[in-house]
Amino acid sequence: MNLTQIKYEQINEVAWLTLYRPDKLNALTPTMISEWKNILTEICKDEKCRVIVVKGEGRAWSAGVDLSVFQETKVEPGYAMYEDGLEIMRLLENCPQVTIAMLNGFCFTGAMEIMMAFDLIVAAEEAKIGDTHAKWGIRPTWGMTQRLQKQVGLRKAKELSFTAQTISGTEAERIGLANKAVPLAELKSTVDALIEKIIPNSGQAIGSIKQLYQYGNLHTLDKGLDFEKEFEMEVTDKVDDLKNFKDKI
């Protein structure tokens, strides 16, 4: 696959994607979003891949949709970039792999919308995160108003959107938008340590549990409880460990 604005490397069971337009703070373009969707589609089918990490090259994770795009068209339903962006988020939320956003720097607006679709977010304390839709007079269309209020609460979500102010990675952790914030110099090692805690566990169980969380996130508690009760989970990668559990204690 010919990639020009995304870098891809798979190391053992981990896929590393890098948003690669460092001179433009990795601002999202139709090309980048298309490449991201295409490579992610392939990775999600790879049964050997257990974790997907997305980082940014240089000073940013992504500054959001390149504003020059809005001078040519509107990123709204029917436009390829809009549909591709939605597909990226659908894949992130529903693939069997654990997805991690490694937030090294700026993350604004459209990039923030995509960020919220990741399973886990590890941010540099110095990272700057913000919803700037109101600043530029742009209508949210990738789920900002729906995901943000679920992840940080309604009033905090409104504050972030109405003021268009940025918050640090440290603040993102405090309000529950990020799992963890660490100094930038420790970001990679922190993500590596997190991956090392995930890999020994059953990939099949994690994929199934992820489905349960996703269903519960989209439905009422009662429906979620019923879904979990009836859910069939086949796990074959830990049969021996379960039989010999006393040796694992």
Protein backbone atom coordinates (compact mmCIF):
# COMPACT_ATOMS: atom_id res chain seq x y z
CA MET A 1 0.00 0.00 0.00
CA ASN A 2 1.42 3.37 -1.03
CA LEU A 3 1.35 5.67 2.00
CA THR A 4 2.44 9.31 1.75
CA GLN A 5 0.96 10.98 4.86
CA ILE A 6 0.86 7.98 7.19
CA LYS A 7 3.79 5.85 8.34
CA TYR A 8 3.17 2.25 9.29
CA GLU A 9 5.34 -0.27 11.10
CA GLN A 10 4.39 -3.55 12.75
CA ILE A 11 6.65 -4.82 15.52
CA ASN A 12 5.67 -8.24 16.77
CA GLU A 13 2.02 -7.94 17.86
CA VAL A 14 1.87 -4.15 17.80
CA ALA A 15 0.99 -1.93 14.83
CA TRP A 16 2.46 1.58 14.99
CA LEU A 17 0.85 4.28 12.85
CA THR A 18 2.35 7.75 12.59
CA LEU A 19 0.44 10.76 11.26
CA TYR A 20 3.06 12.28 8.98
CA ARG A 21 2.73 15.92 7.92
CA PRO A 22 5.09 17.43 10.51
CA ASP A 23 5.49 20.72 8.63
CA LYS A 24 1.69 21.19 8.89
CA LEU A 25 1.33 19.87 12.46
CA ASN A 26 -0.09 16.67 10.93
CA ALA A 27 -3.25 18.51 9.92
CA LEU A 28 -5.80 16.11 8.45
CA THR A 29 -6.27 16.09 4.69
CA PRO A 30 -8.48 13.92 2.47
CA THR A 31 -5.33 11.97 1.53
CA MET A 32 -4.26 11.35 5.13
CA ILE A 33 -7.75 10.31 6.23
CA SER A 34 -8.10 7.97 3.25
CA GLU A 35 -4.71 6.37 3.92
CA TRP A 36 -5.51 6.06 7.61
CA LYS A 37 -8.81 4.34 6.87
CA ASN A 38 -7.29 1.96 4.33
CA ILE A 39 -4.34 0.81 6.43
CA LEU A 40 -6.51 0.54 9.55
CA THR A 41 -8.98 -1.63 7.66
CA GLU A 42 -6.20 -4.06 6.81
CA ILE A 43 -4.68 -4.07 10.30
CA CYS A 44 -8.04 -4.81 11.91
CA LYS A 45 -8.20 -8.05 9.91
CA ASP A 46 -4.77 -9.18 11.13
CA GLU A 47 -5.34 -11.81 13.83
CA LYS A 48 -1.68 -11.61 14.85
CA CYS A 49 -1.99 -7.92 15.72
CA ARG A 50 -3.03 -7.28 19.31
CA VAL A 51 -2.49 -3.55 19.79
CA ILE A 52 -2.71 -0.52 17.48
CA VAL A 53 -0.90 2.67 18.49
CA VAL A 54 -1.28 5.98 16.67
CA LYS A 55 1.19 8.81 17.24
CA GLY A 56 2.11 12.04 15.49
CA GLU A 57 5.38 13.09 13.90
CA GLY A 58 7.01 16.19 15.37
CA ARG A 59 5.24 18.66 17.66
CA ALA A 60 1.67 17.50 17.13
CA TRP A 61 -0.56 14.47 17.20
CA SER A 62 -2.75 16.38 14.76
CA ALA A 63 -3.88 19.99 14.62
CA GLY A 64 -7.22 18.85 13.21
CA VAL A 65 -8.63 19.15 9.71
CA ASP A 66 -6.40 21.33 7.53
CA LEU A 67 -8.35 24.60 7.34
CA SER A 68 -7.53 24.90 3.63
CA VAL A 69 -9.92 21.99 3.08
CA PHE A 70 -12.81 24.17 4.24
CA GLN A 71 -11.96 26.75 1.59
CA GLU A 72 -12.74 24.16 -1.07
CA THR A 73 -15.63 22.19 0.40
CA LYS A 74 -17.47 21.24 3.58
CA VAL A 75 -16.48 18.18 5.57
CA GLU A 76 -20.03 16.92 5.98
CA PRO A 77 -22.17 13.86 5.08
CA GLY A 78 -21.57 12.68 1.52
CA TYR A 79 -18.06 14.10 1.24
CA ALA A 80 -15.41 11.37 1.03
CA MET A 81 -13.24 12.80 3.82
CA TYR A 82 -16.22 12.95 6.17
CA GLU A 83 -17.26 9.37 5.45
CA ASP A 84 -13.66 8.11 5.74
CA GLY A 85 -13.30 9.84 9.11
CA LEU A 86 -16.44 8.16 10.41
CA GLU A 87 -15.13 4.81 9.20
CA ILE A 88 -11.84 5.34 11.07
CA MET A 89 -13.77 5.89 14.28
CA ARG A 90 -16.03 2.91 13.63
CA LEU A 91 -12.99 0.71 13.12
CA LEU A 92 -11.24 2.02 16.23
CA GLU A 93 -14.27 1.39 18.41
CA ASN A 94 -15.16 -2.03 17.00
CA CYS A 95 -11.91 -3.76 16.00
CA PRO A 96 -10.74 -6.63 18.24
CA GLN A 97 -7.39 -4.95 18.89
CA VAL A 98 -6.72 -2.55 21.74
CA THR A 99 -6.27 0.93 20.26
CA ILE A 100 -4.04 3.50 21.93
CA ALA A 101 -3.72 7.18 21.07
CA MET A 102 -0.17 8.26 21.99
CA LEU A 103 -0.75 11.98 22.31
CA ASN A 104 2.61 13.68 21.88
CA GLY A 105 1.46 17.24 21.14
CA PHE A 106 -1.30 19.39 19.69
CA CYS A 107 -4.68 17.70 19.21
CA PHE A 108 -7.49 19.95 18.05
CA THR A 109 -11.07 19.70 16.80
CA GLY A 110 -11.38 16.95 14.15
CA ALA A 111 -8.32 15.18 15.52
CA MET A 112 -9.80 15.37 19.00
CA GLU A 113 -13.00 13.80 17.67
CA ILE A 114 -11.03 10.86 16.29
CA MET A 115 -8.91 10.66 19.46
CA MET A 116 -12.02 10.04 21.55
CA ALA A 117 -12.76 6.85 19.58
CA PHE A 118 -9.60 5.15 20.91
CA ASP A 119 -9.81 2.60 23.70
CA LEU A 120 -6.98 4.19 25.66
CA ILE A 121 -5.31 7.59 25.56
CA VAL A 122 -1.85 8.27 26.96
CA ALA A 123 -0.86 11.93 26.70
CA ALA A 124 2.26 13.97 27.20
CA GLU A 125 1.74 16.42 30.05
CA GLU A 126 2.73 19.14 27.58
CA ALA A 127 0.13 18.12 24.99
CA LYS A 128 -2.51 20.70 24.07
CA ILE A 129 -6.03 19.42 23.43
CA GLY A 130 -9.04 21.45 22.41
CA ASP A 131 -12.33 21.74 20.56
CA THR A 132 -11.99 24.81 18.32
CA HIS A 133 -15.15 24.35 16.24
CA ALA A 134 -16.68 27.53 17.70
CA LYS A 135 -13.47 29.49 17.14
CA TRP A 136 -13.66 28.93 13.39
CA GLY A 137 -17.44 28.76 13.03
CA ILE A 138 -17.39 25.10 12.01
CA ARG A 139 -20.20 22.65 12.79
CA PRO A 140 -19.12 19.47 14.60
CA THR A 141 -19.90 16.44 12.42
CA TRP A 142 -17.58 13.68 13.63
CA GLY A 143 -19.21 13.19 17.04
CA MET A 144 -17.64 15.89 19.21
CA THR A 145 -20.83 16.85 21.03
CA GLN A 146 -21.85 13.26 21.69
CA ARG A 147 -18.60 11.56 22.69
CA LEU A 148 -17.15 14.46 24.68
CA GLN A 149 -20.08 14.77 27.07
CA LYS A 150 -20.01 11.01 27.71
CA GLN A 151 -16.30 11.08 28.45
CA VAL A 152 -16.00 14.18 30.65
CA GLY A 153 -19.58 15.05 31.61
CA LEU A 154 -22.06 17.47 30.06
CA ARG A 155 -21.03 20.73 31.75
CA LYS A 156 -17.31 20.22 31.27
CA ALA A 157 -17.93 19.30 27.63
CA LYS A 158 -19.94 22.50 27.10
CA GLU A 159 -17.21 24.56 28.75
CA LEU A 160 -14.55 23.11 26.46
CA SER A 161 -16.66 23.64 23.32
CA PHE A 162 -18.03 27.08 24.20
CA THR A 163 -14.68 28.58 25.19
CA ALA A 164 -12.62 26.79 22.51
CA GLN A 165 -9.81 26.81 25.05
CA THR A 166 -7.11 24.15 25.09
CA ILE A 167 -6.24 21.96 28.03
CA SER A 168 -2.98 20.20 28.83
CA GLY A 169 -2.43 16.47 28.89
CA THR A 170 -2.31 16.77 32.68
CA GLU A 171 -5.77 18.35 32.77
CA ALA A 172 -7.06 15.77 30.28
CA GLU A 173 -6.09 13.04 32.72
CA ARG A 174 -7.69 14.89 35.63
CA ILE A 175 -11.09 15.17 33.91
CA GLY A 176 -11.00 11.62 32.56
CA LEU A 177 -10.35 12.44 28.92
CA ALA A 178 -6.98 10.66 29.02
CA ASN A 179 -6.00 7.55 30.94
CA LYS A 180 -2.60 8.91 31.89
CA ALA A 181 -0.38 11.95 31.38
CA VAL A 182 3.40 11.79 31.68
CA PRO A 183 6.33 14.01 30.68
CA LEU A 184 6.91 13.88 26.92
CA ALA A 185 10.28 12.20 27.44
CA GLU A 186 8.49 9.30 29.18
CA LEU A 187 5.60 8.97 26.74
CA LYS A 188 6.97 6.15 24.59
CA SER A 189 8.20 4.09 27.54
CA THR A 190 4.85 4.54 29.29
CA VAL A 191 2.97 3.27 26.24
CA ASP A 192 5.42 0.36 25.94
CA ALA A 193 4.80 -0.56 29.58
CA LEU A 194 1.04 -0.43 29.03
CA ILE A 195 1.34 -2.72 26.01
CA GLU A 196 3.41 -5.17 28.06
CA LYS A 197 0.51 -5.42 30.51
CA ILE A 198 -2.02 -6.06 27.73
CA ILE A 199 -0.20 -8.63 25.57
CA PRO A 200 -0.06 -11.52 28.11
CA ASN A 201 -3.87 -11.49 28.43
CA SER A 202 -6.30 -13.28 26.14
CA GLY A 203 -6.69 -11.36 22.90
CA GLN A 204 -10.00 -13.13 22.27
CA ALA A 205 -11.33 -12.15 25.68
CA ILE A 206 -10.22 -8.55 25.24
CA GLY A 207 -11.91 -8.36 21.83
CA SER A 208 -15.15 -9.71 23.29
CA ILE A 209 -15.02 -7.48 26.38
CA LYS A 210 -14.44 -4.52 24.07
CA GLN A 211 -17.67 -5.44 22.22
CA LEU A 212 -19.54 -5.49 25.53
CA TYR A 213 -18.23 -2.08 26.53
CA GLN A 214 -19.10 -0.63 23.14
CA TYR A 215 -22.64 -1.99 23.27
CA GLY A 216 -23.12 -0.63 26.77
CA ASN A 217 -21.80 2.76 25.70
CA LEU A 218 -24.47 2.99 23.00
CA HIS A 219 -27.43 1.57 24.92
CA THR A 220 -29.19 1.82 28.25
CA LEU A 221 -27.91 0.00 31.34
CA ASP A 222 -30.79 -2.49 31.21
CA LYS A 223 -30.10 -3.36 27.58
CA GLY A 224 -26.38 -3.60 28.29
CA LEU A 225 -26.94 -6.00 31.19
CA ASP A 226 -29.19 -8.19 29.05
CA PHE A 227 -26.65 -8.15 26.22
CA GLU A 228 -23.82 -9.14 28.56
CA LYS A 229 -25.88 -11.95 30.09
CA GLU A 230 -26.67 -13.46 26.68
CA PHE A 231 -23.31 -12.74 25.04
CA GLU A 232 -21.40 -15.81 23.87
CA MET A 233 -17.63 -15.54 24.22
CA GLU A 234 -15.37 -18.21 22.79
CA VAL A 235 -11.86 -18.11 24.18
CA THR A 236 -9.36 -20.72 23.06
CA ASP A 237 -6.07 -18.93 23.66
CA LYS A 238 -6.09 -19.41 27.45
CA VAL A 239 -7.39 -22.98 27.81
CA ASP A 240 -4.14 -24.34 29.20
CA ASP A 241 -3.69 -21.41 31.57
CA LEU A 242 -7.18 -21.95 32.96
CA LYS A 243 -6.58 -25.65 33.48
CA ASN A 244 -3.33 -24.94 35.27
CA PHE A 245 -4.41 -21.78 37.05
CA LYS A 246 -2.81 -22.85 40.35
CA ASP A 247 0.59 -22.69 38.70
CA LYS A 248 -0.11 -19.10 37.61
CA ILE A 249 -0.94 -17.76 41.07
